Amino acid sequence: MRGRARRDPAVRVHRRVETHPAVRPGSVLRHAPWTIGPDPAPDRDPPAMYAACKDCTEQGPVGTDRAACDMWALVHAGRTGHRQYRECVSVDLYARPANETAGTS
């Protein structure tokens, strides 16, 4: 064979499979229901929001004040005549096993 090195059939090639360090041969995995909701931490960030015009690509500034978000949409509507908007809100979420009570980690 030209251009290819022949492999010695006596040499076995083992492929290393990367797994999570907690998963070992013989591990028992089980399905557990989880829930997700607002982050219960008292120091979490307030929801961030902005309004986006659905008639064009403009969007208002991101902030935490809903009134400012609405005001941007109203000013944009008055200036352009556009009537359809989307309010985009970002809230910190926290996932926990369903049997865990809120506020514990």
PDB file of N, CA and C in Angstrom:
ATOM      1  N   MET A   1       0.837  -1.185   0.000  1.00  0.00           N
ATOM      2  CA  MET A   1       0.000   0.000   0.000  1.00  0.00           C
ATOM      3  C   MET A   1       0.878   1.242   0.000  1.00  0.00           C
ATOM      4  N   ARG A   2       0.646   2.072  -0.952  1.00  0.00           N
ATOM      5  CA  ARG A   2       1.432   3.294  -1.021  1.00  0.00           C
ATOM      6  C   ARG A   2       0.685   4.439  -0.366  1.00  0.00           C
ATOM      7  N   GLY A   3       1.412   5.264   0.374  1.00  0.00           N
ATOM      8  CA  GLY A   3       0.805   6.451   0.950  1.00  0.00           C
ATOM      9  C   GLY A   3       0.094   6.209   2.282  1.00  0.00           C
ATOM     10  N   ARG A   4      -0.190   4.987   2.633  1.00  0.00           N
ATOM     11  CA  ARG A   4      -0.865   4.705   3.903  1.00  0.00           C
ATOM     12  C   ARG A   4      -0.006   3.753   4.724  1.00  0.00           C
ATOM     13  N   ALA A   5       0.159   4.078   5.959  1.00  0.00           N
ATOM     14  CA  ALA A   5       0.925   3.193   6.831  1.00  0.00           C
ATOM     15  C   ALA A   5       0.041   2.029   7.227  1.00  0.00           C
ATOM     16  N   ARG A   6       0.599   0.865   7.218  1.00  0.00           N
ATOM     17  CA  ARG A   6      -0.162  -0.318   7.638  1.00  0.00           C
ATOM     18  C   ARG A   6      -0.158  -0.381   9.147  1.00  0.00           C
ATOM     19  N   ARG A   7      -1.306  -0.736   9.672  1.00  0.00           N
ATOM     20  CA  ARG A   7      -1.427  -0.853  11.107  1.00  0.00           C
ATOM     21  C   ARG A   7      -1.162  -2.294  11.509  1.00  0.00           C
ATOM     22  N   ASP A   8      -0.393  -2.453  12.554  1.00  0.00           N
ATOM     23  CA  ASP A   8      -0.088  -3.781  13.065  1.00  0.00           C
ATOM     24  C   ASP A   8      -1.361  -4.364  13.674  1.00  0.00           C
ATOM     25  N   PRO A   9      -1.867  -5.501  13.170  1.00  0.00           N
ATOM     26  CA  PRO A   9      -3.106  -6.064  13.696  1.00  0.00           C
ATOM     27  C   PRO A   9      -3.002  -6.489  15.159  1.00  0.00           C
ATOM     28  N   ALA A  10      -1.797  -6.612  15.676  1.00  0.00           N
ATOM     29  CA  ALA A  10      -1.637  -6.991  17.077  1.00  0.00           C
ATOM     30  C   ALA A  10      -1.862  -5.807  18.012  1.00  0.00           C
ATOM     31  N   VAL A  11      -1.852  -4.579  17.465  1.00  0.00           N
ATOM     32  CA  VAL A  11      -2.047  -3.384  18.288  1.00  0.00           C
ATOM     33  C   VAL A  11      -3.528  -3.030  18.280  1.00  0.00           C
ATOM     34  N   ARG A  12      -4.115  -3.001  19.444  1.00  0.00           N
ATOM     35  CA  ARG A  12      -5.534  -2.650  19.559  1.00  0.00           C
ATOM     36  C   ARG A  12      -5.656  -1.157  19.835  1.00  0.00           C
ATOM     37  N   VAL A  13      -6.564  -0.522  19.157  1.00  0.00           N
ATOM     38  CA  VAL A  13      -6.789   0.907  19.332  1.00  0.00           C
ATOM     39  C   VAL A  13      -8.017   1.087  20.222  1.00  0.00           C
ATOM     40  N   HIS A  14      -7.837   1.797  21.306  1.00  0.00           N
ATOM     41  CA  HIS A  14      -8.946   2.094  22.210  1.00  0.00           C
ATOM     42  C   HIS A  14      -9.313   3.560  22.064  1.00  0.00           C
ATOM     43  N   ARG A  15     -10.585   3.799  21.938  1.00  0.00           N
ATOM     44  CA  ARG A  15     -11.046   5.177  21.877  1.00  0.00           C
ATOM     45  C   ARG A  15     -11.486   5.601  23.265  1.00  0.00           C
ATOM     46  N   ARG A  16     -11.026   6.740  23.672  1.00  0.00           N
ATOM     47  CA  ARG A  16     -11.409   7.268  24.974  1.00  0.00           C
ATOM     48  C   ARG A  16     -12.703   8.055  24.816  1.00  0.00           C
ATOM     49  N   VAL A  17     -13.682   7.712  25.597  1.00  0.00           N
ATOM     50  CA  VAL A  17     -14.971   8.400  25.548  1.00  0.00           C
ATOM     51  C   VAL A  17     -15.046   9.327  26.741  1.00  0.00           C
ATOM     52  N   GLU A  18     -15.252  10.603  26.467  1.00  0.00           N
ATOM     53  CA  GLU A  18     -15.356  11.583  27.544  1.00  0.00           C
ATOM     54  C   GLU A  18     -16.775  11.563  28.107  1.00  0.00           C
ATOM     55  N   THR A  19     -16.886  11.451  29.397  1.00  0.00           N
ATOM     56  CA  THR A  19     -18.189  11.501  30.069  1.00  0.00           C
ATOM     57  C   THR A  19     -18.102  12.465  31.234  1.00  0.00           C
ATOM     58  N   HIS A  20     -19.230  12.762  31.807  1.00  0.00           N
ATOM     59  CA  HIS A  20     -19.277  13.604  32.995  1.00  0.00           C
ATOM     60  C   HIS A  20     -18.535  12.872  34.108  1.00  0.00           C
ATOM     61  N   PRO A  21     -17.743  13.580  34.931  1.00  0.00           N
ATOM     62  CA  PRO A  21     -16.967  12.894  35.953  1.00  0.00           C
ATOM     63  C   PRO A  21     -17.819  12.125  36.965  1.00  0.00           C
ATOM     64  N   ALA A  22     -19.070  12.505  37.145  1.00  0.00           N
ATOM     65  CA  ALA A  22     -19.921  11.817  38.113  1.00  0.00           C
ATOM     66  C   ALA A  22     -20.500  10.523  37.544  1.00  0.00           C
ATOM     67  N   VAL A  23     -20.426  10.343  36.225  1.00  0.00           N
ATOM     68  CA  VAL A  23     -20.990   9.142  35.604  1.00  0.00           C
ATOM     69  C   VAL A  23     -19.863   8.139  35.405  1.00  0.00           C
ATOM     70  N   ARG A  24     -19.968   7.039  36.122  1.00  0.00           N
ATOM     71  CA  ARG A  24     -18.965   5.983  36.049  1.00  0.00           C
ATOM     72  C   ARG A  24     -19.658   4.689  35.660  1.00  0.00           C
ATOM     73  N   PRO A  25     -18.910   3.713  35.204  1.00  0.00           N
ATOM     74  CA  PRO A  25     -19.533   2.419  34.923  1.00  0.00           C
ATOM     75  C   PRO A  25     -20.266   1.914  36.167  1.00  0.00           C
ATOM     76  N   GLY A  26     -21.466   1.461  35.965  1.00  0.00           N
ATOM     77  CA  GLY A  26     -22.265   0.974  37.080  1.00  0.00           C
ATOM     78  C   GLY A  26     -23.130   2.049  37.727  1.00  0.00           C
ATOM     79  N   SER A  27     -23.004   3.308  37.265  1.00  0.00           N
ATOM     80  CA  SER A  27     -23.832   4.377  37.828  1.00  0.00           C
ATOM     81  C   SER A  27     -25.299   4.125  37.502  1.00  0.00           C
ATOM     82  N   VAL A  28     -26.153   4.498  38.412  1.00  0.00           N
ATOM     83  CA  VAL A  28     -27.585   4.383  38.196  1.00  0.00           C
ATOM     84  C   VAL A  28     -28.115   5.789  37.937  1.00  0.00           C
ATOM     85  N   LEU A  29     -28.707   5.977  36.782  1.00  0.00           N
ATOM     86  CA  LEU A  29     -29.275   7.264  36.429  1.00  0.00           C
ATOM     87  C   LEU A  29     -30.778   7.170  36.562  1.00  0.00           C
ATOM     88  N   ARG A  30     -31.400   8.206  37.062  1.00  0.00           N
ATOM     89  CA  ARG A  30     -32.852   8.202  37.193  1.00  0.00           C
ATOM     90  C   ARG A  30     -33.413   9.521  36.694  1.00  0.00           C
ATOM     91  N   HIS A  31     -34.624   9.440  36.225  1.00  0.00           N
ATOM     92  CA  HIS A  31     -35.316  10.649  35.794  1.00  0.00           C
ATOM     93  C   HIS A  31     -35.906  11.321  37.027  1.00  0.00           C
ATOM     94  N   ALA A  32     -35.706  12.603  37.142  1.00  0.00           N
ATOM     95  CA  ALA A  32     -36.285  13.349  38.253  1.00  0.00           C
ATOM     96  C   ALA A  32     -36.956  14.590  37.688  1.00  0.00           C
ATOM     97  N   PRO A  33     -38.198  14.849  38.074  1.00  0.00           N
ATOM     98  CA  PRO A  33     -38.873  16.058  37.582  1.00  0.00           C
ATOM     99  C   PRO A  33     -38.254  17.317  38.183  1.00  0.00           C
ATOM    100  N   TRP A  34     -38.155  18.330  37.364  1.00  0.00           N
ATOM    101  CA  TRP A  34     -37.614  19.621  37.781  1.00  0.00           C
ATOM    102  C   TRP A  34     -38.657  20.703  37.538  1.00  0.00           C
ATOM    103  N   THR A  35     -38.509  21.796  38.227  1.00  0.00           N
ATOM    104  CA  THR A  35     -39.362  22.965  38.008  1.00  0.00           C
ATOM    105  C   THR A  35     -38.456  24.165  37.751  1.00  0.00           C
ATOM    106  N   ILE A  36     -39.023  25.175  37.122  1.00  0.00           N
ATOM    107  CA  ILE A  36     -38.269  26.404  36.875  1.00  0.00           C
ATOM    108  C   ILE A  36     -39.195  27.577  37.125  1.00  0.00           C
ATOM    109  N   GLY A  37     -38.640  28.634  37.697  1.00  0.00           N
ATOM    110  CA  GLY A  37     -39.431  29.826  37.993  1.00  0.00           C
ATOM    111  C   GLY A  37     -38.499  30.993  38.279  1.00  0.00           C
ATOM    112  N   PRO A  38     -39.066  32.123  38.707  1.00  0.00           N
ATOM    113  CA  PRO A  38     -38.228  33.286  39.005  1.00  0.00           C
ATOM    114  C   PRO A  38     -37.182  32.951  40.067  1.00  0.00           C
ATOM    115  N   ASP A  39     -36.011  33.517  39.914  1.00  0.00           N
ATOM    116  CA  ASP A  39     -34.924  33.297  40.866  1.00  0.00           C
ATOM    117  C   ASP A  39     -35.341  33.837  42.230  1.00  0.00           C
ATOM    118  N   PRO A  40     -35.288  33.003  43.286  1.00  0.00           N
ATOM    119  CA  PRO A  40     -35.732  33.462  44.602  1.00  0.00           C
ATOM    120  C   PRO A  40     -34.695  34.314  45.339  1.00  0.00           C
ATOM    121  N   ALA A  41     -33.503  34.467  44.796  1.00  0.00           N
ATOM    122  CA  ALA A  41     -32.456  35.234  45.484  1.00  0.00           C
ATOM    123  C   ALA A  41     -32.906  36.681  45.695  1.00  0.00           C
ATOM    124  N   PRO A  42     -32.739  37.192  46.909  1.00  0.00           N
ATOM    125  CA  PRO A  42     -33.182  38.575  47.173  1.00  0.00           C
ATOM    126  C   PRO A  42     -32.379  39.617  46.407  1.00  0.00           C
ATOM    127  N   ASP A  43     -31.151  39.288  45.986  1.00  0.00           N
ATOM    128  CA  ASP A  43     -30.312  40.255  45.276  1.00  0.00           C
ATOM    129  C   ASP A  43     -30.335  40.068  43.760  1.00  0.00           C
ATOM    130  N   ARG A  44     -31.333  39.344  43.246  1.00  0.00           N
ATOM    131  CA  ARG A  44     -31.405  39.116  41.801  1.00  0.00           C
ATOM    132  C   ARG A  44     -31.665  40.431  41.065  1.00  0.00           C
ATOM    133  N   ASP A  45     -31.283  40.458  39.809  1.00  0.00           N
ATOM    134  CA  ASP A  45     -31.510  41.645  38.984  1.00  0.00           C
ATOM    135  C   ASP A  45     -32.995  41.798  38.702  1.00  0.00           C
ATOM    136  N   PRO A  46     -33.500  43.030  38.639  1.00  0.00           N
ATOM    137  CA  PRO A  46     -34.908  43.223  38.263  1.00  0.00           C
ATOM    138  C   PRO A  46     -35.100  42.847  36.797  1.00  0.00           C
ATOM    139  N   PRO A  47     -36.333  42.539  36.397  1.00  0.00           N
ATOM    140  CA  PRO A  47     -36.581  42.205  34.989  1.00  0.00           C
ATOM    141  C   PRO A  47     -36.126  43.345  34.068  1.00  0.00           C
ATOM    142  N   ALA A  48     -35.464  42.994  32.991  1.00  0.00           N
ATOM    143  CA  ALA A  48     -35.064  43.969  31.976  1.00  0.00           C
ATOM    144  C   ALA A  48     -36.041  43.850  30.820  1.00  0.00           C
ATOM    145  N   MET A  49     -36.408  44.976  30.224  1.00  0.00           N
ATOM    146  CA  MET A  49     -37.404  44.940  29.150  1.00  0.00           C
ATOM    147  C   MET A  49     -37.138  46.022  28.113  1.00  0.00           C
ATOM    148  N   TYR A  50     -37.709  45.789  26.953  1.00  0.00           N
ATOM    149  CA  TYR A  50     -37.712  46.802  25.907  1.00  0.00           C
ATOM    150  C   TYR A  50     -38.892  46.528  24.990  1.00  0.00           C
ATOM    151  N   ALA A  51     -39.323  47.551  24.265  1.00  0.00           N
ATOM    152  CA  ALA A  51     -40.381  47.401  23.273  1.00  0.00           C
ATOM    153  C   ALA A  51     -39.728  47.373  21.901  1.00  0.00           C
ATOM    154  N   ALA A  52     -40.267  46.544  21.018  1.00  0.00           N
ATOM    155  CA  ALA A  52     -39.756  46.442  19.655  1.00  0.00           C
ATOM    156  C   ALA A  52     -40.919  46.636  18.695  1.00  0.00           C
ATOM    157  N   CYS A  53     -40.716  47.456  17.689  1.00  0.00           N
ATOM    158  CA  CYS A  53     -41.745  47.699  16.686  1.00  0.00           C
ATOM    159  C   CYS A  53     -41.804  46.501  15.744  1.00  0.00           C
ATOM    160  N   LYS A  54     -43.000  45.982  15.505  1.00  0.00           N
ATOM    161  CA  LYS A  54     -43.169  44.846  14.598  1.00  0.00           C
ATOM    162  C   LYS A  54     -43.292  45.292  13.146  1.00  0.00           C
ATOM    163  N   ASP A  55     -43.473  46.600  12.918  1.00  0.00           N
ATOM    164  CA  ASP A  55     -43.593  47.117  11.558  1.00  0.00           C
ATOM    165  C   ASP A  55     -42.238  47.502  10.949  1.00  0.00           C
ATOM    166  N   CYS A  56     -41.242  47.735  11.809  1.00  0.00           N
ATOM    167  CA  CYS A  56     -39.889  48.045  11.338  1.00  0.00           C
ATOM    168  C   CYS A  56     -38.908  47.365  12.288  1.00  0.00           C
ATOM    169  N   THR A  57     -37.659  47.661  12.157  1.00  0.00           N
ATOM    170  CA  THR A  57     -36.668  46.973  12.986  1.00  0.00           C
ATOM    171  C   THR A  57     -36.250  47.766  14.221  1.00  0.00           C
ATOM    172  N   GLU A  58     -36.896  48.899  14.468  1.00  0.00           N
ATOM    173  CA  GLU A  58     -36.499  49.713  15.619  1.00  0.00           C
ATOM    174  C   GLU A  58     -36.931  49.084  16.926  1.00  0.00           C
ATOM    175  N   GLN A  59     -36.116  49.314  17.946  1.00  0.00           N
ATOM    176  CA  GLN A  59     -36.483  48.884  19.287  1.00  0.00           C
ATOM    177  C   GLN A  59     -36.038  49.940  20.275  1.00  0.00           C
ATOM    178  N   GLY A  60     -36.758  50.008  21.374  1.00  0.00           N
ATOM    179  CA  GLY A  60     -36.451  50.986  22.401  1.00  0.00           C
ATOM    180  C   GLY A  60     -35.275  50.551  23.253  1.00  0.00           C
ATOM    181  N   PRO A  61     -34.843  51.429  24.145  1.00  0.00           N
ATOM    182  CA  PRO A  61     -33.724  51.090  25.018  1.00  0.00           C
ATOM    183  C   PRO A  61     -34.123  50.036  26.049  1.00  0.00           C
ATOM    184  N   VAL A  62     -33.158  49.234  26.462  1.00  0.00           N
ATOM    185  CA  VAL A  62     -33.394  48.223  27.492  1.00  0.00           C
ATOM    186  C   VAL A  62     -33.354  48.913  28.850  1.00  0.00           C
ATOM    187  N   GLY A  63     -34.339  48.605  29.678  1.00  0.00           N
ATOM    188  CA  GLY A  63     -34.389  49.186  31.018  1.00  0.00           C
ATOM    189  C   GLY A  63     -35.262  48.359  31.937  1.00  0.00           C
ATOM    190  N   THR A  64     -35.439  48.844  33.150  1.00  0.00           N
ATOM    191  CA  THR A  64     -36.254  48.124  34.130  1.00  0.00           C
ATOM    192  C   THR A  64     -37.583  48.819  34.401  1.00  0.00           C
ATOM    193  N   ASP A  65     -37.834  49.946  33.749  1.00  0.00           N
ATOM    194  CA  ASP A  65     -39.049  50.726  33.970  1.00  0.00           C
ATOM    195  C   ASP A  65     -40.058  50.461  32.851  1.00  0.00           C
ATOM    196  N   ARG A  66     -41.176  49.819  33.202  1.00  0.00           N
ATOM    197  CA  ARG A  66     -42.196  49.494  32.204  1.00  0.00           C
ATOM    198  C   ARG A  66     -42.795  50.755  31.588  1.00  0.00           C
ATOM    199  N   ALA A  67     -42.972  51.799  32.380  1.00  0.00           N
ATOM    200  CA  ALA A  67     -43.554  53.046  31.855  1.00  0.00           C
ATOM    201  C   ALA A  67     -42.652  53.647  30.769  1.00  0.00           C
ATOM    202  N   ALA A  68     -41.341  53.592  30.976  1.00  0.00           N
ATOM    203  CA  ALA A  68     -40.408  54.111  29.963  1.00  0.00           C
ATOM    204  C   ALA A  68     -40.469  53.266  28.699  1.00  0.00           C
ATOM    205  N   CYS A  69     -40.640  51.968  28.866  1.00  0.00           N
ATOM    206  CA  CYS A  69     -40.765  51.063  27.724  1.00  0.00           C
ATOM    207  C   CYS A  69     -42.025  51.414  26.914  1.00  0.00           C
ATOM    208  N   ASP A  70     -43.140  51.593  27.613  1.00  0.00           N
ATOM    209  CA  ASP A  70     -44.398  51.965  26.952  1.00  0.00           C
ATOM    210  C   ASP A  70     -44.295  53.341  26.291  1.00  0.00           C
ATOM    211  N   MET A  71     -43.624  54.267  26.955  1.00  0.00           N
ATOM    212  CA  MET A  71     -43.497  55.622  26.414  1.00  0.00           C
ATOM    213  C   MET A  71     -42.713  55.610  25.106  1.00  0.00           C
ATOM    214  N   TRP A  72     -41.659  54.793  25.023  1.00  0.00           N
ATOM    215  CA  TRP A  72     -40.910  54.706  23.773  1.00  0.00           C
ATOM    216  C   TRP A  72     -41.841  54.247  22.648  1.00  0.00           C
ATOM    217  N   ALA A  73     -42.666  53.216  22.920  1.00  0.00           N
ATOM    218  CA  ALA A  73     -43.569  52.694  21.897  1.00  0.00           C
ATOM    219  C   ALA A  73     -44.577  53.760  21.473  1.00  0.00           C
ATOM    220  N   LEU A  74     -45.105  54.523  22.432  1.00  0.00           N
ATOM    221  CA  LEU A  74     -46.080  55.568  22.095  1.00  0.00           C
ATOM    222  C   LEU A  74     -45.449  56.693  21.276  1.00  0.00           C
ATOM    223  N   VAL A  75     -44.234  57.083  21.624  1.00  0.00           N
ATOM    224  CA  VAL A  75     -43.542  58.122  20.860  1.00  0.00           C
ATOM    225  C   VAL A  75     -43.245  57.621  19.452  1.00  0.00           C
ATOM    226  N   HIS A  76     -42.805  56.360  19.347  1.00  0.00           N
ATOM    227  CA  HIS A  76     -42.519  55.779  18.036  1.00  0.00           C
ATOM    228  C   HIS A  76     -43.798  55.708  17.201  1.00  0.00           C
ATOM    229  N   ALA A  77     -44.907  55.322  17.842  1.00  0.00           N
ATOM    230  CA  ALA A  77     -46.189  55.259  17.116  1.00  0.00           C
ATOM    231  C   ALA A  77     -46.599  56.635  16.612  1.00  0.00           C
ATOM    232  N   GLY A  78     -46.436  57.648  17.451  1.00  0.00           N
ATOM    233  CA  GLY A  78     -46.793  59.002  17.042  1.00  0.00           C
ATOM    234  C   GLY A  78     -45.927  59.515  15.909  1.00  0.00           C
ATOM    235  N   ARG A  79     -44.664  59.122  15.911  1.00  0.00           N
ATOM    236  CA  ARG A  79     -43.731  59.590  14.886  1.00  0.00           C
ATOM    237  C   ARG A  79     -43.900  58.840  13.570  1.00  0.00           C
ATOM    238  N   THR A  80     -44.224  57.535  13.630  1.00  0.00           N
ATOM    239  CA  THR A  80     -44.223  56.712  12.418  1.00  0.00           C
ATOM    240  C   THR A  80     -45.601  56.215  11.986  1.00  0.00           C
ATOM    241  N   GLY A  81     -46.561  56.199  12.917  1.00  0.00           N
ATOM    242  CA  GLY A  81     -47.865  55.622  12.606  1.00  0.00           C
ATOM    243  C   GLY A  81     -47.900  54.101  12.777  1.00  0.00           C
ATOM    244  N   HIS A  82     -46.794  53.517  13.193  1.00  0.00           N
ATOM    245  CA  HIS A  82     -46.757  52.065  13.416  1.00  0.00           C
ATOM    246  C   HIS A  82     -47.587  51.718  14.649  1.00  0.00           C
ATOM    247  N   ARG A  83     -48.300  50.585  14.580  1.00  0.00           N
ATOM    248  CA  ARG A  83     -49.220  50.237  15.664  1.00  0.00           C
ATOM    249  C   ARG A  83     -48.929  48.916  16.354  1.00  0.00           C
ATOM    250  N   GLN A  84     -48.055  48.106  15.822  1.00  0.00           N
ATOM    251  CA  GLN A  84     -47.812  46.788  16.414  1.00  0.00           C
ATOM    252  C   GLN A  84     -46.438  46.734  17.075  1.00  0.00           C
ATOM    253  N   TYR A  85     -46.441  46.308  18.338  1.00  0.00           N
ATOM    254  CA  TYR A  85     -45.213  46.261  19.130  1.00  0.00           C
ATOM    255  C   TYR A  85     -45.112  44.939  19.867  1.00  0.00           C
ATOM    256  N   ARG A  86     -43.914  44.607  20.227  1.00  0.00           N
ATOM    257  CA  ARG A  86     -43.658  43.419  21.048  1.00  0.00           C
ATOM    258  C   ARG A  86     -42.894  43.888  22.274  1.00  0.00           C
ATOM    259  N   GLU A  87     -43.350  43.453  23.451  1.00  0.00           N
ATOM    260  CA  GLU A  87     -42.610  43.752  24.670  1.00  0.00           C
ATOM    261  C   GLU A  87     -41.725  42.542  24.970  1.00  0.00           C
ATOM    262  N   CYS A  88     -40.437  42.766  25.084  1.00  0.00           N
ATOM    263  CA  CYS A  88     -39.482  41.691  25.351  1.00  0.00           C
ATOM    264  C   CYS A  88     -38.965  41.863  26.775  1.00  0.00           C
ATOM    265  N   VAL A  89     -39.161  40.831  27.592  1.00  0.00           N
ATOM    266  CA  VAL A  89     -38.792  40.890  29.005  1.00  0.00           C
ATOM    267  C   VAL A  89     -37.804  39.766  29.310  1.00  0.00           C
ATOM    268  N   SER A  90     -36.777  40.089  30.051  1.00  0.00           N
ATOM    269  CA  SER A  90     -35.790  39.111  30.481  1.00  0.00           C
ATOM    270  C   SER A  90     -35.816  39.030  32.001  1.00  0.00           C
ATOM    271  N   VAL A  91     -36.078  37.828  32.521  1.00  0.00           N
ATOM    272  CA  VAL A  91     -36.172  37.605  33.962  1.00  0.00           C
ATOM    273  C   VAL A  91     -35.193  36.493  34.339  1.00  0.00           C
ATOM    274  N   ASP A  92     -34.483  36.661  35.450  1.00  0.00           N
ATOM    275  CA  ASP A  92     -33.604  35.602  35.937  1.00  0.00           C
ATOM    276  C   ASP A  92     -34.449  34.432  36.424  1.00  0.00           C
ATOM    277  N   LEU A  93     -34.093  33.226  35.974  1.00  0.00           N
ATOM    278  CA  LEU A  93     -34.832  32.022  36.362  1.00  0.00           C
ATOM    279  C   LEU A  93     -33.953  31.115  37.208  1.00  0.00           C
ATOM    280  N   TYR A  94     -34.608  30.221  37.936  1.00  0.00           N
ATOM    281  CA  TYR A  94     -33.916  29.294  38.823  1.00  0.00           C
ATOM    282  C   TYR A  94     -34.568  27.930  38.682  1.00  0.00           C
ATOM    283  N   ALA A  95     -33.759  26.903  38.399  1.00  0.00           N
ATOM    284  CA  ALA A  95     -34.276  25.542  38.253  1.00  0.00           C
ATOM    285  C   ALA A  95     -33.954  24.750  39.518  1.00  0.00           C
ATOM    286  N   ARG A  96     -34.898  23.905  39.922  1.00  0.00           N
ATOM    287  CA  ARG A  96     -34.696  23.066  41.100  1.00  0.00           C
ATOM    288  C   ARG A  96     -35.458  21.761  40.933  1.00  0.00           C
ATOM    289  N   PRO A  97     -35.008  20.704  41.605  1.00  0.00           N
ATOM    290  CA  PRO A  97     -35.804  19.474  41.594  1.00  0.00           C
ATOM    291  C   PRO A  97     -37.189  19.744  42.175  1.00  0.00           C
ATOM    292  N   ALA A  98     -38.189  19.086  41.655  1.00  0.00           N
ATOM    293  CA  ALA A  98     -39.570  19.347  42.064  1.00  0.00           C
ATOM    294  C   ALA A  98     -39.793  19.095  43.553  1.00  0.00           C
ATOM    295  N   ASN A  99     -39.040  18.173  44.152  1.00  0.00           N
ATOM    296  CA  ASN A  99     -39.250  17.874  45.562  1.00  0.00           C
ATOM    297  C   ASN A  99     -38.484  18.806  46.478  1.00  0.00           C
ATOM    298  N   GLU A 100     -37.729  19.751  45.939  1.00  0.00           N
ATOM    299  CA  GLU A 100     -36.997  20.727  46.741  1.00  0.00           C
ATOM    300  C   GLU A 100     -37.875  21.932  46.986  1.00  0.00           C
ATOM    301  N   THR A 101     -37.916  22.423  48.202  1.00  0.00           N
ATOM    302  CA  THR A 101     -38.765  23.577  48.495  1.00  0.00           C
ATOM    303  C   THR A 101     -38.085  24.860  48.029  1.00  0.00           C
ATOM    304  N   ALA A 102     -38.888  25.857  47.727  1.00  0.00           N
ATOM    305  CA  ALA A 102     -38.372  27.132  47.243  1.00  0.00           C
ATOM    306  C   ALA A 102     -37.494  27.764  48.310  1.00  0.00           C
ATOM    307  N   GLY A 103     -36.428  28.393  47.857  1.00  0.00           N
ATOM    308  CA  GLY A 103     -35.549  29.104  48.766  1.00  0.00           C
ATOM    309  C   GLY A 103     -34.406  28.274  49.318  1.00  0.00           C
ATOM    310  N   THR A 104     -34.378  26.962  49.023  1.00  0.00           N
ATOM    311  CA  THR A 104     -33.265  26.130  49.475  1.00  0.00           C
ATOM    312  C   THR A 104     -32.415  25.761  48.274  1.00  0.00           C
ATOM    313  N   SER A 105     -31.192  25.456  48.509  1.00  0.00           N
ATOM    314  CA  SER A 105     -30.330  25.055  47.383  1.00  0.00           C
ATOM    315  C   SER A 105     -29.604  23.779  47.681  1.00  0.00           C
TER     316      SER A 105
END
